[in-house]
Protein backbone atom coordinates (compact mmCIF):
# COMPACT_ATOMS: atom_id res chain seq x y z
CA MET A 1 69.24 12.47 57.90
CA PRO A 2 72.46 10.59 57.01
CA LYS A 3 72.38 6.84 57.27
CA THR A 4 74.07 5.38 60.32
CA ASN A 5 75.61 1.95 60.56
CA ILE A 6 74.12 -0.12 63.37
CA VAL A 7 75.90 -3.00 65.07
CA VAL A 8 73.53 -5.00 67.27
CA VAL A 9 73.58 -8.28 69.07
CA ALA A 10 70.21 -9.44 67.75
CA PRO A 11 70.45 -12.19 65.12
CA PRO A 12 68.57 -11.50 61.88
CA MET A 13 67.65 -15.08 61.12
CA SER A 14 64.63 -16.73 62.77
CA PRO A 15 63.65 -20.40 63.11
CA PRO A 16 60.86 -21.91 61.01
CA VAL A 17 57.32 -21.23 62.14
CA THR A 18 54.31 -23.49 62.44
CA PRO A 19 51.92 -22.85 59.52
CA LYS A 20 49.38 -20.21 60.50
CA VAL A 21 45.68 -21.00 60.40
CA ILE A 22 43.54 -17.92 59.74
CA PRO A 23 39.92 -18.27 60.91
CA PRO A 24 37.04 -17.18 58.66
CA VAL A 25 36.61 -13.41 58.49
CA VAL A 26 33.06 -12.09 58.56
CA VAL A 27 32.67 -8.49 57.40
CA ASN A 28 29.53 -6.45 57.87
CA PRO A 29 27.58 -5.61 54.69
CA PRO A 30 27.05 -1.98 53.59
CA GLY A 31 24.55 0.02 55.60
CA VAL A 32 25.86 -0.82 59.06
CA GLU A 33 25.86 2.23 61.31
CA TYR A 34 28.87 3.51 63.27
CA PRO A 35 30.05 3.81 65.96
CA ARG A 36 29.20 0.34 67.21
CA PRO A 37 30.74 -2.29 69.55
CA VAL A 38 33.08 -4.88 68.09
CA LYS A 39 31.55 -8.28 67.50
CA ASP A 40 34.51 -10.66 67.10
CA VAL A 41 38.29 -11.03 67.45
CA PHE A 42 39.03 -9.67 63.96
CA GLU A 43 37.12 -6.47 64.67
CA ALA A 44 38.66 -6.22 68.14
CA GLN A 45 42.18 -6.42 66.71
CA ILE A 46 41.41 -3.55 64.34
CA ALA A 47 39.71 -1.44 67.01
CA LEU A 48 42.64 -2.02 69.38
CA ALA A 49 45.15 -1.06 66.70
CA ARG A 50 43.30 2.21 66.15
CA HIS A 51 44.22 2.97 69.78
CA ALA A 52 47.89 1.94 69.13
CA PHE A 53 47.32 -1.27 71.10
CA SER A 54 48.84 -3.89 68.83
CA SER A 55 47.93 -7.57 68.86
CA GLY A 56 50.72 -8.33 66.39
CA SER A 57 49.92 -9.11 62.76
CA ILE A 58 46.14 -8.86 62.42
CA ASP A 59 44.82 -12.34 61.71
CA GLY A 60 41.41 -12.71 63.37
CA ALA A 61 42.73 -15.37 65.75
CA ILE A 62 42.74 -15.17 69.52
CA GLY A 63 46.18 -15.72 71.01
CA SER A 64 48.50 -14.45 73.73
CA GLN A 65 49.28 -11.19 71.91
CA THR A 66 45.62 -10.40 71.30
CA ARG A 67 44.75 -11.22 74.92
CA ALA A 68 47.58 -8.95 76.10
CA ALA A 69 46.31 -6.09 73.90
CA ILE A 70 42.76 -6.57 75.21
CA SER A 71 44.09 -6.56 78.77
CA ALA A 72 46.00 -3.33 78.06
CA PHE A 73 42.82 -1.69 76.77
CA GLN A 74 40.90 -2.91 79.81
CA ARG A 75 43.50 -1.48 82.21
CA ASN A 76 43.48 1.81 80.34
CA THR A 77 39.68 2.12 80.55
CA GLY A 78 39.22 0.96 84.14
CA LEU A 79 37.91 -2.52 83.35
CA PRO A 80 39.17 -5.72 85.02
CA PRO A 81 42.20 -6.80 82.94
CA THR A 82 40.97 -10.29 82.09
CA GLY A 83 42.24 -10.35 78.51
CA THR A 84 38.89 -11.70 77.36
CA LEU A 85 36.53 -10.03 74.93
CA ASP A 86 33.61 -9.91 77.37
CA ALA A 87 30.42 -7.85 77.07
CA ALA A 88 31.77 -4.88 79.06
CA THR A 89 34.89 -4.74 76.89
CA ARG A 90 32.93 -4.99 73.65
CA ALA A 91 30.75 -2.10 74.81
CA GLN A 92 33.75 0.19 75.26
CA LEU A 93 35.90 -1.11 72.39
CA THR A 94 33.91 0.44 69.58
CA LEU A 95 34.45 0.79 65.85
CA GLU A 96 34.15 4.31 64.50
CA ALA A 97 34.38 3.22 60.84
CA PRO A 98 34.24 0.04 58.72
CA VAL A 99 36.99 -2.52 59.34
CA LEU A 100 38.10 -2.79 55.71
CA THR A 101 39.27 -0.30 53.13
CA ASP A 102 40.54 -0.43 49.54
CA TYR A 103 44.23 -0.41 48.72
CA THR A 104 45.11 0.38 45.12
CA VAL A 105 48.45 -1.00 43.95
CA THR A 106 50.56 1.68 42.26
CA ARG A 107 53.46 1.62 39.83
CA ALA A 108 55.59 3.03 42.64
CA ASP A 109 54.70 0.02 44.79
CA LEU A 110 55.74 -2.40 42.07
CA ALA A 111 58.95 -0.47 41.38
CA ARG A 112 60.05 -1.01 44.98
CA LEU A 113 59.99 -4.80 44.76
CA GLN A 114 63.29 -6.63 44.54
CA PRO A 115 64.56 -10.07 45.53
CA ILE A 116 66.55 -10.24 48.74
CA GLY A 117 70.00 -11.82 48.57
CA LYS A 118 70.42 -15.15 50.33
CA THR A 119 73.88 -14.40 51.72
CA TRP A 120 75.30 -11.53 53.75
CA ILE A 121 77.60 -10.55 50.90
CA ALA A 122 74.68 -10.48 48.46
CA LYS A 123 72.64 -8.34 50.84
CA SER A 124 75.51 -5.89 51.28
CA GLN A 125 75.67 -5.39 47.51
CA GLN A 126 72.01 -4.37 47.15
CA THR A 127 70.84 -0.77 46.88
CA ALA A 128 68.17 -1.43 49.52
CA LEU A 129 66.48 -4.28 51.36
CA ASP A 130 62.97 -3.36 50.27
CA TYR A 131 59.90 -5.58 49.93
CA GLU A 132 60.19 -8.73 47.83
CA THR A 133 56.50 -9.10 46.93
CA ILE A 134 53.41 -6.95 46.70
CA LEU A 135 51.73 -9.25 49.25
CA GLU A 136 54.48 -8.47 51.77
CA LEU A 137 54.19 -4.73 51.08
CA VAL A 138 50.40 -4.62 51.39
CA ALA A 139 50.31 -6.85 54.50
CA GLU A 140 52.81 -4.64 56.31
CA HIS A 141 50.93 -1.51 55.26
CA ALA A 142 47.76 -2.98 56.80
CA HIS A 143 49.48 -4.39 59.95
CA ALA A 144 48.15 -7.76 58.82
CA HIS A 145 49.26 -11.35 58.39
CA PRO A 146 49.87 -12.15 54.70
CA LEU A 147 47.49 -15.11 54.94
CA LEU A 148 44.71 -12.78 56.07
CA ILE A 149 45.34 -10.54 53.04
CA ARG A 150 45.08 -13.62 50.83
CA LYS A 151 41.81 -14.63 52.49
CA LEU A 152 40.35 -11.16 52.00
CA ASN A 153 41.32 -11.21 48.30
CA PRO A 154 40.65 -14.78 47.10
CA GLY A 155 40.66 -14.00 43.37
CA VAL A 156 44.05 -12.29 43.22
CA ASP A 157 46.97 -13.89 41.38
CA TRP A 158 49.74 -12.70 43.67
CA ASP A 159 52.43 -13.56 41.14
CA ASN A 160 50.93 -11.21 38.58
CA VAL A 161 49.57 -8.16 40.43
CA THR A 162 49.45 -5.09 38.19
CA ALA A 163 49.22 -1.37 38.90
CA GLY A 164 45.61 -0.38 39.51
CA THR A 165 44.66 -3.64 41.24
CA VAL A 166 42.28 -2.86 44.11
CA LEU A 167 42.69 -4.96 47.25
CA LYS A 168 40.64 -5.28 50.44
CA VAL A 169 42.76 -4.69 53.56
CA PRO A 170 42.18 -3.91 57.25
CA ASP A 171 41.67 -0.18 57.76
CA VAL A 172 44.25 0.50 60.46
CA GLU A 173 45.99 3.74 61.28
CA TYR A 174 47.61 4.59 64.59
CA PRO A 175 46.51 7.89 66.16
CA ASP A 176 48.81 10.88 65.80
CA PRO A 177 50.58 11.19 69.16
CA ASP A 178 49.75 14.35 71.10
CA ASP A 179 53.02 14.26 73.00
CA LYS A 180 56.16 12.26 73.67
CA ALA A 181 56.21 9.32 76.07
CA LEU A 182 57.24 9.96 79.67
CA PHE A 183 58.65 6.44 80.10
CA ILE A 184 58.57 2.93 78.62
CA ILE A 185 58.18 -0.39 80.43
CA ILE A 186 59.19 -3.67 78.80
CA HIS A 187 57.71 -6.81 80.38
CA LEU A 188 59.98 -9.76 79.69
CA SER A 189 57.70 -12.56 80.91
CA GLU A 190 54.71 -11.35 78.87
CA LYS A 191 56.89 -10.12 75.98
CA TYR A 192 55.36 -6.71 75.41
CA LEU A 193 56.39 -3.07 75.52
CA GLU A 194 54.24 -0.18 76.74
CA ALA A 195 54.77 3.58 76.39
CA PHE A 196 53.15 5.89 78.94
CA GLY A 197 52.32 9.59 78.75
CA ALA A 198 52.71 12.45 81.21
CA GLN A 199 49.51 11.46 83.02
CA THR A 200 50.71 7.84 83.17
CA ASN A 201 48.13 7.13 80.46
CA LEU A 202 48.93 4.31 78.10
CA LEU A 203 50.04 5.69 74.72
CA ALA A 204 50.96 2.41 73.02
CA HIS A 205 51.10 -1.33 73.66
CA PHE A 206 53.28 -3.47 71.37
CA PRO A 207 54.33 -7.14 71.46
CA CYS A 208 58.09 -7.65 71.26
CA SER A 209 60.62 -10.44 71.00
CA ILE A 210 63.22 -10.83 73.76
CA ALA A 211 66.53 -12.60 74.26
CA ALA A 212 66.54 -16.38 74.12
CA LYS A 213 69.15 -16.55 76.91
CA VAL A 214 68.17 -15.22 80.33
CA GLU A 215 71.62 -13.75 80.94
CA LYS A 216 71.21 -11.60 77.82
CA ARG A 217 68.07 -9.86 79.13
CA PRO A 218 69.06 -6.44 80.53
CA VAL A 219 66.74 -6.07 83.55
CA GLY A 220 66.62 -2.61 85.15
CA GLU A 221 66.49 1.00 84.01
CA LEU A 222 68.00 1.88 80.65
CA HIS A 223 67.74 5.03 78.57
CA VAL A 224 67.32 5.85 74.91
CA ALA A 225 70.72 6.83 73.50
CA VAL A 226 70.06 7.19 69.77
CA ILE A 227 67.03 7.30 67.44
CA ILE A 228 67.56 6.35 63.79
CA PRO A 229 64.76 5.86 61.25
CA ASP A 230 65.61 3.69 58.24
CA PRO A 231 69.06 2.61 59.47
CA ASN A 232 71.86 0.65 57.87
CA TYR A 233 73.04 -2.48 59.65
CA THR A 234 76.64 -3.57 60.15
CA PHE A 235 77.11 -7.32 59.95
CA ASP A 236 79.95 -8.26 62.30
CA PRO A 237 81.20 -11.83 61.73
CA ALA A 238 82.53 -11.92 65.29
CA ILE A 239 78.96 -11.83 66.63
CA PHE A 240 77.89 -14.73 64.40
CA ALA A 241 80.78 -17.09 64.98
CA GLU A 242 78.45 -20.08 64.51
CA SER A 243 77.76 -19.03 60.90
CA PRO A 244 79.92 -20.77 58.24
CA GLU A 245 79.53 -17.75 55.98
CA ALA A 246 80.65 -15.39 58.76
CA GLN A 247 83.74 -17.49 59.31
CA GLN A 248 84.62 -17.20 55.63
CA ILE A 249 83.93 -13.45 55.31
CA GLY A 250 86.23 -12.35 58.09
CA HIS A 251 85.32 -8.66 57.89
CA LYS A 252 82.37 -6.40 58.58
CA LEU A 253 79.70 -5.69 55.95
CA VAL A 254 77.31 -2.76 55.72
CA ILE A 255 73.78 -3.93 54.95
CA PRO A 256 71.59 -1.23 53.29
CA PRO A 257 68.34 0.05 54.82
CA GLY A 258 64.80 -1.08 54.10
CA PRO A 259 61.96 -3.05 55.70
CA ASN A 260 63.89 -6.30 55.13
CA ASN A 261 66.98 -4.94 56.86
CA PRO A 262 67.80 -7.06 59.97
CA VAL A 263 66.67 -4.18 62.24
CA GLY A 264 63.76 -3.17 60.01
CA VAL A 265 62.76 0.45 59.50
CA ALA A 266 63.88 1.90 62.84
CA TRP A 267 66.64 1.58 65.43
CA ILE A 268 66.19 3.04 68.93
CA GLY A 269 69.49 2.35 70.64
CA LEU A 270 69.77 2.05 74.42
CA ASP A 271 72.59 3.08 76.72
CA ARG A 272 73.81 -0.49 76.94
CA PRO A 273 76.10 -1.05 73.92
CA GLY A 274 74.57 -3.24 71.23
CA TYR A 275 71.07 -3.21 72.71
CA GLY A 276 68.02 -1.46 71.37
CA MET A 277 64.40 -1.53 70.25
CA HIS A 278 64.01 -2.06 66.52
CA GLY A 279 61.91 -3.38 63.66
CA THR A 280 62.15 -6.73 61.93
CA PRO A 281 61.69 -8.18 58.43
CA VAL A 282 59.44 -10.92 59.86
CA PRO A 283 56.63 -9.22 61.85
CA GLU A 284 54.66 -12.48 62.08
CA GLN A 285 57.37 -13.83 64.38
CA VAL A 286 57.38 -10.97 66.89
CA GLY A 287 56.68 -12.11 70.46
CA ARG A 288 59.24 -14.90 70.67
CA THR A 289 62.26 -15.56 72.86
CA GLU A 290 64.86 -15.69 70.11
CA SER A 291 67.05 -12.57 70.01
CA HIS A 292 70.51 -12.04 71.50
CA GLY A 293 69.15 -9.28 73.71
CA CYS A 294 67.41 -6.63 71.61
CA PHE A 295 63.68 -5.97 71.65
CA ARG A 296 62.18 -6.66 68.22
CA LEU A 297 58.96 -5.01 67.13
CA ALA A 298 56.88 -5.17 63.98
CA ASN A 299 58.09 -2.49 61.59
CA TRP A 300 54.88 -0.49 61.94
CA ASP A 301 55.24 -0.49 65.73
CA ALA A 302 58.93 0.47 65.61
CA ALA A 303 58.13 3.34 63.24
CA TYR A 304 55.40 4.61 65.59
CA LEU A 305 57.66 4.27 68.62
CA VAL A 306 60.14 6.63 66.94
CA LYS A 307 57.46 9.34 67.20
CA LEU A 308 57.12 8.80 70.96
CA VAL A 309 60.71 8.51 72.17
CA TRP A 310 63.44 11.05 72.93
CA ILE A 311 67.09 10.92 73.93
CA HIS A 312 67.48 9.89 77.59
CA LEU A 313 63.90 8.57 77.76
CA PRO A 314 63.76 6.04 80.65
CA VAL A 315 63.13 2.44 79.58
CA GLU A 316 62.43 0.09 82.48
CA VAL A 317 62.92 -3.61 81.77
CA VAL A 318 61.09 -5.80 84.26
CA PRO A 319 61.09 -9.62 84.59
């Protein structure tokens, strides 16, 4: 598929974040039998993800995104949608396999790594906007927060990871979709997106970022207009008039594809010009009110959504 330049109204830069605190992770020793109910938040996040109900970057911490994913699972299984990991929910939210698996770093992984330019001009001159570090690559592969990957692998020197290094990571893989979505609903107040199937069954639940300004939030029915995996991004200085660099450039730049592209690994454009659902280079920051109007997803969620959508798919945006 040829690359397509994307011009969007979502800004690529995000504000600083409060340092994340990852709680202790307790993993069952060998010999535990499966299937079995989940026993804590870490296990619940993994079990939910195996149903394509995302709680954001897996971190073992209870927060609004995890509560929303639990609530989605409860609604889908006929339980009261409390968002709490109560006994009835634990009984139905079961693990079919261990929560961790091994990830072996390959030469191909290391060959992908490259520093990301600090300016728009520098980015436009790169061959791709791929991963900068092996920690970033592995964390995104496992749908996990980088700090969790560090905690699971305390003896690793992340500045000197070599091919053949074996890492412990969450064992997460979304189910292969049986069919396309019938419709999507985006909830602005709760900041999540849900895709429903032909039987109005819930196919996926993903946290998303929304526009910082209320007037930039397109409430109502929209439709998918274009679906582009691994897109380019066109930097338009006119959209970023507040940027000193944009004022100096004075012309559009084509930013190459890759997970660190401003729209991540997928662009699903809507029939309102400049608006769409897309990935992001900073999945840990998904769920904020910071965009210019687009709906940002973690790259792994955007890539999965590509499998569910089709041209003219209804997308209902509700307050």
